[in-house]
């Protein structure tokens, strides 16, 4: 899975360039995120703006990344598409993650 990274202020931004995070790629996604985030700053923001579909395996992989980063680092999500936001809402994961409508401005701290 191709993930692109940039730095935004005090955060590592990881853009998921695939249109799906599902059973077919969940393990590869989780492993790649762990590689990328192993030396990350305290905030990791996952940009899901290109992702159109997340199934239960994909959701589980995202949660696994959050647990991998905790407690010293925080996983935040940004730019969820309507279908992906619906999955997070229906599973109540929107109460677990900090979710930004768009990528936050550099230096902005949103809770935690």
PDB file of N, CA and C in Angstrom:
ATOM      1  N   UNK A   1       0.848  -1.188   0.000  1.00  0.00           N
ATOM      2  CA  UNK A   1       0.000   0.000   0.000  1.00  0.00           C
ATOM      3  C   UNK A   1       0.884   1.239   0.000  1.00  0.00           C
ATOM      4  N   UNK A   2       0.547   2.188  -0.841  1.00  0.00           N
ATOM      5  CA  UNK A   2       1.324   3.406  -0.956  1.00  0.00           C
ATOM      6  C   UNK A   2       0.766   4.459   0.004  1.00  0.00           C
ATOM      7  N   UNK A   3       1.634   4.909   0.902  1.00  0.00           N
ATOM      8  CA  UNK A   3       1.295   5.961   1.849  1.00  0.00           C
ATOM      9  C   UNK A   3       2.324   7.065   1.688  1.00  0.00           C
ATOM     10  N   UNK A   4       1.870   8.303   1.578  1.00  0.00           N
ATOM     11  CA  UNK A   4       2.772   9.436   1.406  1.00  0.00           C
ATOM     12  C   UNK A   4       2.820  10.232   2.698  1.00  0.00           C
ATOM     13  N   UNK A   5       4.030  10.652   3.084  1.00  0.00           N
ATOM     14  CA  UNK A   5       4.176  11.382   4.344  1.00  0.00           C
ATOM     15  C   UNK A   5       4.714  12.785   4.123  1.00  0.00           C
ATOM     16  N   UNK A   6       4.251  13.692   4.960  1.00  0.00           N
ATOM     17  CA  UNK A   6       4.766  15.056   5.015  1.00  0.00           C
ATOM     18  C   UNK A   6       4.744  15.486   6.476  1.00  0.00           C
ATOM     19  N   UNK A   7       5.445  16.549   6.768  1.00  0.00           N
ATOM     20  CA  UNK A   7       5.420  17.099   8.116  1.00  0.00           C
ATOM     21  C   UNK A   7       4.598  18.371   8.091  1.00  0.00           C
ATOM     22  N   UNK A   8       3.717  18.508   9.067  1.00  0.00           N
ATOM     23  CA  UNK A   8       2.862  19.680   9.186  1.00  0.00           C
ATOM     24  C   UNK A   8       2.991  20.171  10.622  1.00  0.00           C
ATOM     25  N   UNK A   9       3.820  21.186  10.822  1.00  0.00           N
ATOM     26  CA  UNK A   9       4.051  21.674  12.180  1.00  0.00           C
ATOM     27  C   UNK A   9       4.652  20.578  13.040  1.00  0.00           C
ATOM     28  N   UNK A  10       3.950  20.240  14.126  1.00  0.00           N
ATOM     29  CA  UNK A  10       4.424  19.218  15.065  1.00  0.00           C
ATOM     30  C   UNK A  10       3.869  17.836  14.756  1.00  0.00           C
ATOM     31  N   UNK A  11       3.373  17.637  13.552  1.00  0.00           N
ATOM     32  CA  UNK A  11       2.707  16.379  13.219  1.00  0.00           C
ATOM     33  C   UNK A  11       3.280  15.733  11.957  1.00  0.00           C
ATOM     34  N   UNK A  12       3.218  14.412  11.951  1.00  0.00           N
ATOM     35  CA  UNK A  12       3.501  13.652  10.746  1.00  0.00           C
ATOM     36  C   UNK A  12       2.164  13.408  10.071  1.00  0.00           C
ATOM     37  N   UNK A  13       2.032  13.825   8.808  1.00  0.00           N
ATOM     38  CA  UNK A  13       0.806  13.601   8.057  1.00  0.00           C
ATOM     39  C   UNK A  13       1.042  12.429   7.121  1.00  0.00           C
ATOM     40  N   UNK A  14       0.150  11.452   7.201  1.00  0.00           N
ATOM     41  CA  UNK A  14       0.234  10.280   6.341  1.00  0.00           C
ATOM     42  C   UNK A  14      -0.992  10.280   5.445  1.00  0.00           C
ATOM     43  N   UNK A  15      -0.765  10.447   4.144  1.00  0.00           N
ATOM     44  CA  UNK A  15      -1.880  10.428   3.204  1.00  0.00           C
ATOM     45  C   UNK A  15      -2.029   9.020   2.644  1.00  0.00           C
ATOM     46  N   UNK A  16      -3.216   8.452   2.838  1.00  0.00           N
ATOM     47  CA  UNK A  16      -3.524   7.149   2.278  1.00  0.00           C
ATOM     48  C   UNK A  16      -3.944   7.390   0.837  1.00  0.00           C
ATOM     49  N   UNK A  17      -3.179   6.847  -0.111  1.00  0.00           N
ATOM     50  CA  UNK A  17      -3.454   7.120  -1.521  1.00  0.00           C
ATOM     51  C   UNK A  17      -4.355   6.071  -2.162  1.00  0.00           C
ATOM     52  N   UNK A  18      -4.684   5.017  -1.432  1.00  0.00           N
ATOM     53  CA  UNK A  18      -5.600   3.992  -1.947  1.00  0.00           C
ATOM     54  C   UNK A  18      -7.035   4.465  -1.765  1.00  0.00           C
ATOM     55  N   UNK A  19      -7.954   3.897  -2.552  1.00  0.00           N
ATOM     56  CA  UNK A  19      -9.352   4.287  -2.403  1.00  0.00           C
ATOM     57  C   UNK A  19     -10.110   3.359  -1.457  1.00  0.00           C
ATOM     58  N   UNK A  20      -9.428   2.297  -0.972  1.00  0.00           N
ATOM     59  CA  UNK A  20     -10.060   1.348  -0.048  1.00  0.00           C
ATOM     60  C   UNK A  20      -9.072   0.904   1.026  1.00  0.00           C
ATOM     61  N   UNK A  21      -9.580   0.724   2.233  1.00  0.00           N
ATOM     62  CA  UNK A  21      -8.844   0.026   3.278  1.00  0.00           C
ATOM     63  C   UNK A  21      -9.786  -1.106   3.694  1.00  0.00           C
ATOM     64  N   UNK A  22      -9.497  -2.292   3.173  1.00  0.00           N
ATOM     65  CA  UNK A  22     -10.396  -3.417   3.399  1.00  0.00           C
ATOM     66  C   UNK A  22      -9.601  -4.689   3.693  1.00  0.00           C
ATOM     67  N   UNK A  23     -10.286  -5.819   3.760  1.00  0.00           N
ATOM     68  CA  UNK A  23      -9.658  -7.089   4.126  1.00  0.00           C
ATOM     69  C   UNK A  23      -8.485  -7.438   3.209  1.00  0.00           C
ATOM     70  N   UNK A  24      -8.553  -7.029   1.959  1.00  0.00           N
ATOM     71  CA  UNK A  24      -7.503  -7.358   0.993  1.00  0.00           C
ATOM     72  C   UNK A  24      -6.180  -6.663   1.297  1.00  0.00           C
ATOM     73  N   UNK A  25      -6.224  -5.522   1.967  1.00  0.00           N
ATOM     74  CA  UNK A  25      -4.992  -4.764   2.192  1.00  0.00           C
ATOM     75  C   UNK A  25      -4.777  -4.354   3.643  1.00  0.00           C
ATOM     76  N   UNK A  26      -5.651  -4.758   4.555  1.00  0.00           N
ATOM     77  CA  UNK A  26      -5.587  -4.275   5.941  1.00  0.00           C
ATOM     78  C   UNK A  26      -4.269  -4.610   6.627  1.00  0.00           C
ATOM     79  N   UNK A  27      -3.776  -5.823   6.448  1.00  0.00           N
ATOM     80  CA  UNK A  27      -2.528  -6.216   7.109  1.00  0.00           C
ATOM     81  C   UNK A  27      -1.356  -5.426   6.547  1.00  0.00           C
ATOM     82  N   UNK A  28      -1.312  -5.291   5.239  1.00  0.00           N
ATOM     83  CA  UNK A  28      -0.245  -4.507   4.599  1.00  0.00           C
ATOM     84  C   UNK A  28      -0.320  -3.044   5.055  1.00  0.00           C
ATOM     85  N   UNK A  29      -1.523  -2.490   5.125  1.00  0.00           N
ATOM     86  CA  UNK A  29      -1.725  -1.112   5.588  1.00  0.00           C
ATOM     87  C   UNK A  29      -1.194  -0.940   7.010  1.00  0.00           C
ATOM     88  N   UNK A  30      -1.590  -1.842   7.904  1.00  0.00           N
ATOM     89  CA  UNK A  30      -1.178  -1.766   9.308  1.00  0.00           C
ATOM     90  C   UNK A  30       0.344  -1.870   9.429  1.00  0.00           C
ATOM     91  N   UNK A  31       0.950  -2.815   8.732  1.00  0.00           N
ATOM     92  CA  UNK A  31       2.402  -2.981   8.791  1.00  0.00           C
ATOM     93  C   UNK A  31       3.131  -1.747   8.267  1.00  0.00           C
ATOM     94  N   UNK A  32       2.647  -1.195   7.170  1.00  0.00           N
ATOM     95  CA  UNK A  32       3.272  -0.009   6.570  1.00  0.00           C
ATOM     96  C   UNK A  32       3.143   1.199   7.501  1.00  0.00           C
ATOM     97  N   UNK A  33       1.972   1.361   8.121  1.00  0.00           N
ATOM     98  CA  UNK A  33       1.772   2.465   9.067  1.00  0.00           C
ATOM     99  C   UNK A  33       2.700   2.326  10.266  1.00  0.00           C
ATOM    100  N   UNK A  34       2.888   1.121  10.742  1.00  0.00           N
ATOM    101  CA  UNK A  34       3.797   0.906  11.877  1.00  0.00           C
ATOM    102  C   UNK A  34       5.225   1.284  11.505  1.00  0.00           C
ATOM    103  N   UNK A  35       5.638   0.931  10.291  1.00  0.00           N
ATOM    104  CA  UNK A  35       6.973   1.321   9.804  1.00  0.00           C
ATOM    105  C   UNK A  35       7.119   2.834   9.797  1.00  0.00           C
ATOM    106  N   UNK A  36       6.159   3.487   9.167  1.00  0.00           N
ATOM    107  CA  UNK A  36       6.202   4.939   8.999  1.00  0.00           C
ATOM    108  C   UNK A  36       6.173   5.653  10.346  1.00  0.00           C
ATOM    109  N   UNK A  37       5.336   5.183  11.261  1.00  0.00           N
ATOM    110  CA  UNK A  37       5.084   5.903  12.505  1.00  0.00           C
ATOM    111  C   UNK A  37       5.997   5.497  13.658  1.00  0.00           C
ATOM    112  N   UNK A  38       6.901   4.575  13.420  1.00  0.00           N
ATOM    113  CA  UNK A  38       7.729   4.079  14.531  1.00  0.00           C
ATOM    114  C   UNK A  38       8.570   5.179  15.174  1.00  0.00           C
ATOM    115  N   UNK A  39       8.995   6.172  14.409  1.00  0.00           N
ATOM    116  CA  UNK A  39       9.777   7.291  14.957  1.00  0.00           C
ATOM    117  C   UNK A  39       9.056   8.620  14.776  1.00  0.00           C
ATOM    118  N   UNK A  40       7.740   8.564  14.793  1.00  0.00           N
ATOM    119  CA  UNK A  40       6.931   9.750  14.520  1.00  0.00           C
ATOM    120  C   UNK A  40       6.911  10.710  15.705  1.00  0.00           C
ATOM    121  N   UNK A  41       6.596  11.987  15.429  1.00  0.00           N
ATOM    122  CA  UNK A  41       6.393  12.953  16.511  1.00  0.00           C
ATOM    123  C   UNK A  41       5.121  12.607  17.299  1.00  0.00           C
ATOM    124  N   UNK A  42       4.778  13.395  18.315  1.00  0.00           N
ATOM    125  CA  UNK A  42       3.630  13.076  19.175  1.00  0.00           C
ATOM    126  C   UNK A  42       2.280  13.005  18.451  1.00  0.00           C
ATOM    127  N   UNK A  43       2.157  13.685  17.325  1.00  0.00           N
ATOM    128  CA  UNK A  43       0.894  13.649  16.571  1.00  0.00           C
ATOM    129  C   UNK A  43       1.121  13.005  15.215  1.00  0.00           C
ATOM    130  N   UNK A  44       0.252  12.063  14.876  1.00  0.00           N
ATOM    131  CA  UNK A  44       0.239  11.465  13.547  1.00  0.00           C
ATOM    132  C   UNK A  44      -1.167  11.700  13.005  1.00  0.00           C
ATOM    133  N   UNK A  45      -1.241  12.378  11.862  1.00  0.00           N
ATOM    134  CA  UNK A  45      -2.543  12.685  11.257  1.00  0.00           C
ATOM    135  C   UNK A  45      -2.674  11.856   9.981  1.00  0.00           C
ATOM    136  N   UNK A  46      -3.684  11.003   9.959  1.00  0.00           N
ATOM    137  CA  UNK A  46      -3.929  10.171   8.791  1.00  0.00           C
ATOM    138  C   UNK A  46      -4.946  10.878   7.900  1.00  0.00           C
ATOM    139  N   UNK A  47      -4.508  11.263   6.699  1.00  0.00           N
ATOM    140  CA  UNK A  47      -5.360  11.940   5.722  1.00  0.00           C
ATOM    141  C   UNK A  47      -6.093  10.876   4.923  1.00  0.00           C
ATOM    142  N   UNK A  48      -7.400  10.768   5.139  1.00  0.00           N
ATOM    143  CA  UNK A  48      -8.218   9.755   4.475  1.00  0.00           C
ATOM    144  C   UNK A  48      -9.047  10.347   3.334  1.00  0.00           C
ATOM    145  N   UNK A  49      -8.639  11.486   2.824  1.00  0.00           N
ATOM    146  CA  UNK A  49      -9.404  12.183   1.793  1.00  0.00           C
ATOM    147  C   UNK A  49      -9.590  11.418   0.497  1.00  0.00           C
ATOM    148  N   UNK A  50      -8.706  10.478   0.196  1.00  0.00           N
ATOM    149  CA  UNK A  50      -8.837   9.691  -1.033  1.00  0.00           C
ATOM    150  C   UNK A  50      -9.538   8.354  -0.812  1.00  0.00           C
ATOM    151  N   UNK A  51      -9.750   7.997   0.449  1.00  0.00           N
ATOM    152  CA  UNK A  51     -10.333   6.693   0.772  1.00  0.00           C
ATOM    153  C   UNK A  51     -11.851   6.767   0.651  1.00  0.00           C
ATOM    154  N   UNK A  52     -12.410   5.911  -0.172  1.00  0.00           N
ATOM    155  CA  UNK A  52     -13.854   5.905  -0.409  1.00  0.00           C
ATOM    156  C   UNK A  52     -14.567   4.787   0.346  1.00  0.00           C
ATOM    157  N   UNK A  53     -13.798   3.778   0.844  1.00  0.00           N
ATOM    158  CA  UNK A  53     -14.423   2.622   1.479  1.00  0.00           C
ATOM    159  C   UNK A  53     -13.519   2.055   2.559  1.00  0.00           C
ATOM    160  N   UNK A  54     -14.098   1.787   3.721  1.00  0.00           N
ATOM    161  CA  UNK A  54     -13.408   1.108   4.815  1.00  0.00           C
ATOM    162  C   UNK A  54     -14.350   0.016   5.320  1.00  0.00           C
ATOM    163  N   UNK A  55     -13.863  -1.228   5.371  1.00  0.00           N
ATOM    164  CA  UNK A  55     -14.673  -2.292   5.956  1.00  0.00           C
ATOM    165  C   UNK A  55     -14.196  -2.561   7.380  1.00  0.00           C
ATOM    166  N   UNK A  56     -14.744  -3.598   8.012  1.00  0.00           N
ATOM    167  CA  UNK A  56     -14.391  -3.871   9.415  1.00  0.00           C
ATOM    168  C   UNK A  56     -12.911  -4.200   9.573  1.00  0.00           C
ATOM    169  N   UNK A  57     -12.317  -4.862   8.594  1.00  0.00           N
ATOM    170  CA  UNK A  57     -10.879  -5.161   8.660  1.00  0.00           C
ATOM    171  C   UNK A  57     -10.062  -3.879   8.577  1.00  0.00           C
ATOM    172  N   UNK A  58     -10.468  -2.964   7.707  1.00  0.00           N
ATOM    173  CA  UNK A  58      -9.784  -1.679   7.584  1.00  0.00           C
ATOM    174  C   UNK A  58      -9.916  -0.852   8.847  1.00  0.00           C
ATOM    175  N   UNK A  59     -11.114  -0.844   9.422  1.00  0.00           N
ATOM    176  CA  UNK A  59     -11.337  -0.125  10.670  1.00  0.00           C
ATOM    177  C   UNK A  59     -10.471  -0.726  11.779  1.00  0.00           C
ATOM    178  N   UNK A  60     -10.416  -2.050  11.818  1.00  0.00           N
ATOM    179  CA  UNK A  60      -9.577  -2.723  12.804  1.00  0.00           C
ATOM    180  C   UNK A  60      -8.108  -2.374  12.644  1.00  0.00           C
ATOM    181  N   UNK A  61      -7.659  -2.244  11.404  1.00  0.00           N
ATOM    182  CA  UNK A  61      -6.261  -1.876  11.140  1.00  0.00           C
ATOM    183  C   UNK A  61      -5.973  -0.456  11.623  1.00  0.00           C
ATOM    184  N   UNK A  62      -6.902   0.463  11.406  1.00  0.00           N
ATOM    185  CA  UNK A  62      -6.729   1.847  11.858  1.00  0.00           C
ATOM    186  C   UNK A  62      -6.673   1.889  13.388  1.00  0.00           C
ATOM    187  N   UNK A  63      -7.548   1.126  14.044  1.00  0.00           N
ATOM    188  CA  UNK A  63      -7.543   1.059  15.509  1.00  0.00           C
ATOM    189  C   UNK A  63      -6.228   0.451  16.001  1.00  0.00           C
ATOM    190  N   UNK A  64      -5.728  -0.581  15.309  1.00  0.00           N
ATOM    191  CA  UNK A  64      -4.456  -1.209  15.696  1.00  0.00           C
ATOM    192  C   UNK A  64      -3.308  -0.203  15.618  1.00  0.00           C
ATOM    193  N   UNK A  65      -3.325   0.664  14.609  1.00  0.00           N
ATOM    194  CA  UNK A  65      -2.292   1.703  14.487  1.00  0.00           C
ATOM    195  C   UNK A  65      -2.405   2.678  15.661  1.00  0.00           C
ATOM    196  N   UNK A  66      -3.630   3.052  16.014  1.00  0.00           N
ATOM    197  CA  UNK A  66      -3.835   3.946  17.157  1.00  0.00           C
ATOM    198  C   UNK A  66      -3.253   3.319  18.426  1.00  0.00           C
ATOM    199  N   UNK A  67      -3.508   2.040  18.647  1.00  0.00           N
ATOM    200  CA  UNK A  67      -2.999   1.348  19.841  1.00  0.00           C
ATOM    201  C   UNK A  67      -1.477   1.228  19.799  1.00  0.00           C
ATOM    202  N   UNK A  68      -0.925   1.016  18.607  1.00  0.00           N
ATOM    203  CA  UNK A  68       0.527   0.936  18.446  1.00  0.00           C
ATOM    204  C   UNK A  68       1.195   2.244  18.863  1.00  0.00           C
ATOM    205  N   UNK A  69       0.587   3.362  18.516  1.00  0.00           N
ATOM    206  CA  UNK A  69       1.158   4.678  18.813  1.00  0.00           C
ATOM    207  C   UNK A  69       1.007   5.075  20.278  1.00  0.00           C
ATOM    208  N   UNK A  70      -0.057   4.630  20.923  1.00  0.00           N
ATOM    209  CA  UNK A  70      -0.342   5.025  22.308  1.00  0.00           C
ATOM    210  C   UNK A  70       0.673   4.421  23.266  1.00  0.00           C
ATOM    211  N   UNK A  71       0.932   5.046  24.387  1.00  0.00           N
ATOM    212  CA  UNK A  71       0.342   6.300  24.862  1.00  0.00           C
ATOM    213  C   UNK A  71       1.156   7.535  24.500  1.00  0.00           C
ATOM    214  N   UNK A  72       2.342   7.353  23.924  1.00  0.00           N
ATOM    215  CA  UNK A  72       3.215   8.505  23.709  1.00  0.00           C
ATOM    216  C   UNK A  72       2.861   9.328  22.475  1.00  0.00           C
ATOM    217  N   UNK A  73       2.126   8.732  21.563  1.00  0.00           N
ATOM    218  CA  UNK A  73       1.738   9.454  20.345  1.00  0.00           C
ATOM    219  C   UNK A  73       0.247   9.282  20.108  1.00  0.00           C
ATOM    220  N   UNK A  74      -0.319  10.239  19.374  1.00  0.00           N
ATOM    221  CA  UNK A  74      -1.764  10.273  19.145  1.00  0.00           C
ATOM    222  C   UNK A  74      -2.053  10.190  17.653  1.00  0.00           C
ATOM    223  N   UNK A  75      -2.983   9.304  17.283  1.00  0.00           N
ATOM    224  CA  UNK A  75      -3.422   9.209  15.899  1.00  0.00           C
ATOM    225  C   UNK A  75      -4.687  10.030  15.723  1.00  0.00           C
ATOM    226  N   UNK A  76      -4.627  10.966  14.777  1.00  0.00           N
ATOM    227  CA  UNK A  76      -5.784  11.783  14.433  1.00  0.00           C
ATOM    228  C   UNK A  76      -6.148  11.484  12.986  1.00  0.00           C
ATOM    229  N   UNK A  77      -7.394  11.695  12.636  1.00  0.00           N
ATOM    230  CA  UNK A  77      -7.862  11.441  11.274  1.00  0.00           C
ATOM    231  C   UNK A  77      -8.329  12.748  10.654  1.00  0.00           C
ATOM    232  N   UNK A  78      -8.170  12.840   9.333  1.00  0.00           N
ATOM    233  CA  UNK A  78      -8.578  14.074   8.656  1.00  0.00           C
ATOM    234  C   UNK A  78      -9.207  13.769   7.312  1.00  0.00           C
ATOM    235  N   UNK A  79     -10.094  14.647   6.893  1.00  0.00           N
ATOM    236  CA  UNK A  79     -10.674  14.670   5.551  1.00  0.00           C
ATOM    237  C   UNK A  79     -11.437  13.393   5.196  1.00  0.00           C
ATOM    238  N   UNK A  80     -12.213  12.857   6.142  1.00  0.00           N
ATOM    239  CA  UNK A  80     -12.975  11.644   5.859  1.00  0.00           C
ATOM    240  C   UNK A  80     -14.027  11.907   4.786  1.00  0.00           C
ATOM    241  N   UNK A  81     -14.122  10.999   3.829  1.00  0.00           N
ATOM    242  CA  UNK A  81     -15.177  11.079   2.837  1.00  0.00           C
ATOM    243  C   UNK A  81     -16.495  10.669   3.504  1.00  0.00           C
ATOM    244  N   UNK A  82     -17.605  10.934   2.856  1.00  0.00           N
ATOM    245  CA  UNK A  82     -18.916  10.673   3.464  1.00  0.00           C
ATOM    246  C   UNK A  82     -19.087   9.208   3.870  1.00  0.00           C
ATOM    247  N   UNK A  83     -18.717   8.276   2.999  1.00  0.00           N
ATOM    248  CA  UNK A  83     -18.881   6.853   3.314  1.00  0.00           C
ATOM    249  C   UNK A  83     -18.006   6.429   4.486  1.00  0.00           C
ATOM    250  N   UNK A  84     -16.782   6.922   4.528  1.00  0.00           N
ATOM    251  CA  UNK A  84     -15.866   6.569   5.610  1.00  0.00           C
ATOM    252  C   UNK A  84     -16.339   7.195   6.919  1.00  0.00           C
ATOM    253  N   UNK A  85     -16.773   8.443   6.870  1.00  0.00           N
ATOM    254  CA  UNK A  85     -17.298   9.107   8.068  1.00  0.00           C
ATOM    255  C   UNK A  85     -18.504   8.343   8.622  1.00  0.00           C
ATOM    256  N   UNK A  86     -19.325   7.804   7.740  1.00  0.00           N
ATOM    257  CA  UNK A  86     -20.499   7.045   8.153  1.00  0.00           C
ATOM    258  C   UNK A  86     -20.089   5.789   8.928  1.00  0.00           C
ATOM    259  N   UNK A  87     -19.059   5.097   8.464  1.00  0.00           N
ATOM    260  CA  UNK A  87     -18.553   3.911   9.162  1.00  0.00           C
ATOM    261  C   UNK A  87     -18.076   4.288  10.564  1.00  0.00           C
ATOM    262  N   UNK A  88     -17.333   5.379  10.667  1.00  0.00           N
ATOM    263  CA  UNK A  88     -16.836   5.813  11.972  1.00  0.00           C
ATOM    264  C   UNK A  88     -17.988   6.216  12.896  1.00  0.00           C
ATOM    265  N   UNK A  89     -19.014   6.831  12.339  1.00  0.00           N
ATOM    266  CA  UNK A  89     -20.165   7.239  13.136  1.00  0.00           C
ATOM    267  C   UNK A  89     -20.969   6.025  13.600  1.00  0.00           C
ATOM    268  N   UNK A  90     -21.270   5.100  12.705  1.00  0.00           N
ATOM    269  CA  UNK A  90     -22.086   3.932  13.038  1.00  0.00           C
ATOM    270  C   UNK A  90     -21.413   3.020  14.056  1.00  0.00           C
ATOM    271  N   UNK A  91     -20.093   2.975  14.024  1.00  0.00           N
ATOM    272  CA  UNK A  91     -19.354   2.136  14.972  1.00  0.00           C
ATOM    273  C   UNK A  91     -18.947   2.914  16.228  1.00  0.00           C
ATOM    274  N   UNK A  92     -19.328   4.175  16.277  1.00  0.00           N
ATOM    275  CA  UNK A  92     -19.002   5.089  17.386  1.00  0.00           C
ATOM    276  C   UNK A  92     -17.498   5.330  17.539  1.00  0.00           C
ATOM    277  N   UNK A  93     -16.753   5.027  16.521  1.00  0.00           N
ATOM    278  CA  UNK A  93     -15.312   5.295  16.536  1.00  0.00           C
ATOM    279  C   UNK A  93     -15.046   6.788  16.391  1.00  0.00           C
ATOM    280  N   UNK A  94     -16.052   7.543  15.971  1.00  0.00           N
ATOM    281  CA  UNK A  94     -15.887   8.999  15.886  1.00  0.00           C
ATOM    282  C   UNK A  94     -15.748   9.613  17.274  1.00  0.00           C
ATOM    283  N   UNK A  95     -16.127   8.861  18.323  1.00  0.00           N
ATOM    284  CA  UNK A  95     -15.940   9.330  19.693  1.00  0.00           C
ATOM    285  C   UNK A  95     -14.560   8.942  20.235  1.00  0.00           C
ATOM    286  N   UNK A  96     -13.880   8.037  19.547  1.00  0.00           N
ATOM    287  CA  UNK A  96     -12.575   7.547  19.991  1.00  0.00           C
ATOM    288  C   UNK A  96     -11.443   8.371  19.382  1.00  0.00           C
ATOM    289  N   UNK A  97     -11.605   8.741  18.120  1.00  0.00           N
ATOM    290  CA  UNK A  97     -10.567   9.465  17.381  1.00  0.00           C
ATOM    291  C   UNK A  97     -10.853  10.959  17.349  1.00  0.00           C
ATOM    292  N   UNK A  98      -9.782  11.754  17.295  1.00  0.00           N
ATOM    293  CA  UNK A  98      -9.911  13.163  16.942  1.00  0.00           C
ATOM    294  C   UNK A  98     -10.029  13.184  15.425  1.00  0.00           C
ATOM    295  N   UNK A  99     -11.121  13.750  14.921  1.00  0.00           N
ATOM    296  CA  UNK A  99     -11.363  13.775  13.484  1.00  0.00           C
ATOM    297  C   UNK A  99     -11.473  15.231  13.027  1.00  0.00           C
ATOM    298  N   UNK A 100     -10.639  15.583  12.047  1.00  0.00           N
ATOM    299  CA  UNK A 100     -10.634  16.929  11.476  1.00  0.00           C
ATOM    300  C   UNK A 100     -11.346  16.900  10.127  1.00  0.00           C
ATOM    301  N   UNK A 101     -12.157  17.908   9.854  1.00  0.00           N
ATOM    302  CA  UNK A 101     -12.842  17.989   8.564  1.00  0.00           C
ATOM    303  C   UNK A 101     -11.831  18.111   7.421  1.00  0.00           C
ATOM    304  N   UNK A 102     -10.764  18.864   7.675  1.00  0.00           N
ATOM    305  CA  UNK A 102      -9.665  19.025   6.716  1.00  0.00           C
ATOM    306  C   UNK A 102      -8.367  18.903   7.501  1.00  0.00           C
ATOM    307  N   UNK A 103      -7.246  18.930   6.823  1.00  0.00           N
ATOM    308  CA  UNK A 103      -5.975  18.897   7.540  1.00  0.00           C
ATOM    309  C   UNK A 103      -5.867  20.155   8.391  1.00  0.00           C
ATOM    310  N   UNK A 104      -5.490  20.013   9.665  1.00  0.00           N
ATOM    311  CA  UNK A 104      -5.360  21.204  10.506  1.00  0.00           C
ATOM    312  C   UNK A 104      -4.216  22.096  10.060  1.00  0.00           C
ATOM    313  N   UNK A 105      -4.310  23.348  10.399  1.00  0.00           N
ATOM    314  CA  UNK A 105      -3.246  24.292  10.085  1.00  0.00           C
ATOM    315  C   UNK A 105      -2.002  23.945  10.895  1.00  0.00           C
ATOM    316  N   UNK A 106      -0.813  24.246  10.372  1.00  0.00           N
ATOM    317  CA  UNK A 106       0.419  23.944  11.115  1.00  0.00           C
ATOM    318  C   UNK A 106       0.395  24.577  12.506  1.00  0.00           C
ATOM    319  N   UNK A 107       0.861  23.792  13.484  1.00  0.00           N
ATOM    320  CA  UNK A 107       0.944  24.279  14.847  1.00  0.00           C
ATOM    321  C   UNK A 107      -0.363  24.236  15.622  1.00  0.00           C
ATOM    322  N   UNK A 108      -1.450  23.781  15.000  1.00  0.00           N
ATOM    323  CA  UNK A 108      -2.733  23.713  15.665  1.00  0.00           C
ATOM    324  C   UNK A 108      -2.811  22.442  16.477  1.00  0.00           C
ATOM    325  N   UNK A 109      -3.200  22.561  17.736  1.00  0.00           N
ATOM    326  CA  UNK A 109      -3.359  21.392  18.595  1.00  0.00           C
ATOM    327  C   UNK A 109      -4.833  21.216  18.901  1.00  0.00           C
ATOM    328  N   UNK A 110      -5.357  20.046  18.593  1.00  0.00           N
ATOM    329  CA  UNK A 110      -6.777  19.779  18.789  1.00  0.00           C
ATOM    330  C   UNK A 110      -6.986  18.699  19.843  1.00  0.00           C
ATOM    331  N   UNK A 111      -6.814  19.032  21.083  1.00  0.00           N
ATOM    332  CA  UNK A 111      -7.157  18.101  22.159  1.00  0.00           C
ATOM    333  C   UNK A 111      -6.082  17.082  22.443  1.00  0.00           C
ATOM    334  N   UNK A 112      -6.431  16.177  23.368  1.00  0.00           N
ATOM    335  CA  UNK A 112      -5.554  15.088  23.613  1.00  0.00           C
ATOM    336  C   UNK A 112      -5.020  15.037  24.950  1.00  0.00           C
TER     337      UNK A 112
END
